[in-house]
Amino acid sequence: MAAGLRSPFPGAILPCEVKRRAQEKPGGRLPPVPPSKRIKTPRGGTGDGLGRSVSNFIAAGVLGELWIRYKVDRILTQMMVLFTSCLCLWLGAWVSTASGLDFRYHNSVEVEQYLKAVNRNYSSLTYLHSIGKSVEGRDLWVLVLGKHPTEHKIGIPEFKYVGNMHGNEVVGRVMLLHLIELLTQGYGADPLVTHILNSTRVHILPSMNPDGFEASTRDCMFSEGRFNKHGVDLNRNFPDAFDWEEGEAREAEVRAVMDWLSSEPFVLSANLHGGAVVASYPYDNSNGGEEFKKGSSVAPDDDVFVHLAKTYSFSHAQMRKDNCDEARNFKDGITNGFYWYPWPVSPAARARLKTR
C-alpha cells in the first residue's frame, strides 16, 4: 500500500517498503501518549493526542477487495471518488499535526480512546459499536458515519472500509483513522463531504486484526503479526465459493465480520492491505470453470469492478503510473485478484463444485 515511502514526520514509522527499509529507530512499539501531552479534540474531550489532524495525508492505498451487490449508480461513483481522493493525496501534501491526530501508529488502546472521543464529540453523526472480539479479547470497533448513523434507511447505500486484516500491514489502519477525522470535521463545512454523509452510511473498521498488530515487529522483511493469535491468515479463512470445505473452522475475527456482513445491506466495500501499490478486484479464486478467462477469474460484474478499480488508481498520484515493484506490471494500476495471486483449489473441492 505504501511501498517506498518515508515519513515526513520525525519519529513516525511507515510500513515495509518493497525494496528498502524505512529509516526508524530500533525499539518496541510507541508508548501511549502521556496525559500531559494529550491534545483536546474538537468540542471538548481528549483523544490521547488524537483530535484535529492532517487534512491532507499520505495515502498510497491498495484496494485489497471490492464487493458489490448491484450495479453502481452515480452516487456510488461519487462515493468512490470522495474516498479515494481522501486516501490518495501525495507525499508532502500535509499540514502540521501539532493540534490534531498525530501521524504515527496508535496501539489498540489509543485507537479505542480515539473512536470513543469521536463518537462522543460527533454523537449525531456517528455510531460506535463492537462487532465482536479478537482471539485475545480485543474489541473489533466499527464507527458508522452518516446523517442516520444508527439505522439503515431505504435509499441510503451502505459502504464499508476494512483495514489491518493482516496485523503487520498497518498503513490502512492509520489512513482510516485520518479519514474518520476528515469526514467528521468536513461535515457541514465541505460540500462534498456533507453530500456524501447525507446520502451514504459509511462503516469503518480500522483494524480487523488487533492481536496481530500488537504482536508486530518493526522488521520490514520478516515481521511478525501478519496472522491472528492462532497463527491463521484471516484473508484465507473466509468461505470461498470456489474452494469450500464442510465444517471448516472460522476464526473469531472472521466470524465477527461474517455476522456483520449479514446484519447490513452493504453495496460496496474495500479492504486496505499493504505491500504493493495496486487496486485489486474480484474474483480472487477460480476452479477453472466459465469464470476463468486468460488467466483471470472474471465476475459477472467485471465491468463494474474494473471501473471502480480504475476510479481508485486514477485518483492516486502514482498507482496508475510506474510501479515500484519491477517484477510486476500492473496496467493502469489495477489487477484481477486471481491473475495476481492464483490460488490452487484442492482436488476434493473441485470435485464437489463440479457436482453442484
Foldseek 3Di string as FASTA:
>chain_A
DDAPDEDPDPQAADAFHQPDAYDHDDDDDDDQQDPVQWAAAPPGDTLSLAHAAKQADAALWAFPEKDFDDFDDDLVLLVLLVVLLSRFGHPPRTDDSSRHGDRHDDALVSVVSNLVSLCVRPVQFKDKDFLFAAPVGRTQIKIKGANHRPDDDPQAAEEEEEEALFQRFQPQLSSLSNVSNNLSVCQPPPVSSVVSRHRYIYMYRSHLASQLVNQWGSDNPDITRRPHPVRDRLVPQEADLQAHDPPRDHGRSNVSVVVVPVVDVHGIYGYTGDDWNAYEYDDQEDLPPPLDDPQARADPVNVSRVVSRLSNLVSHPPQCHDIPPPVDDDHRRYYYNCSVPYDDHDPVSSVVSVVD
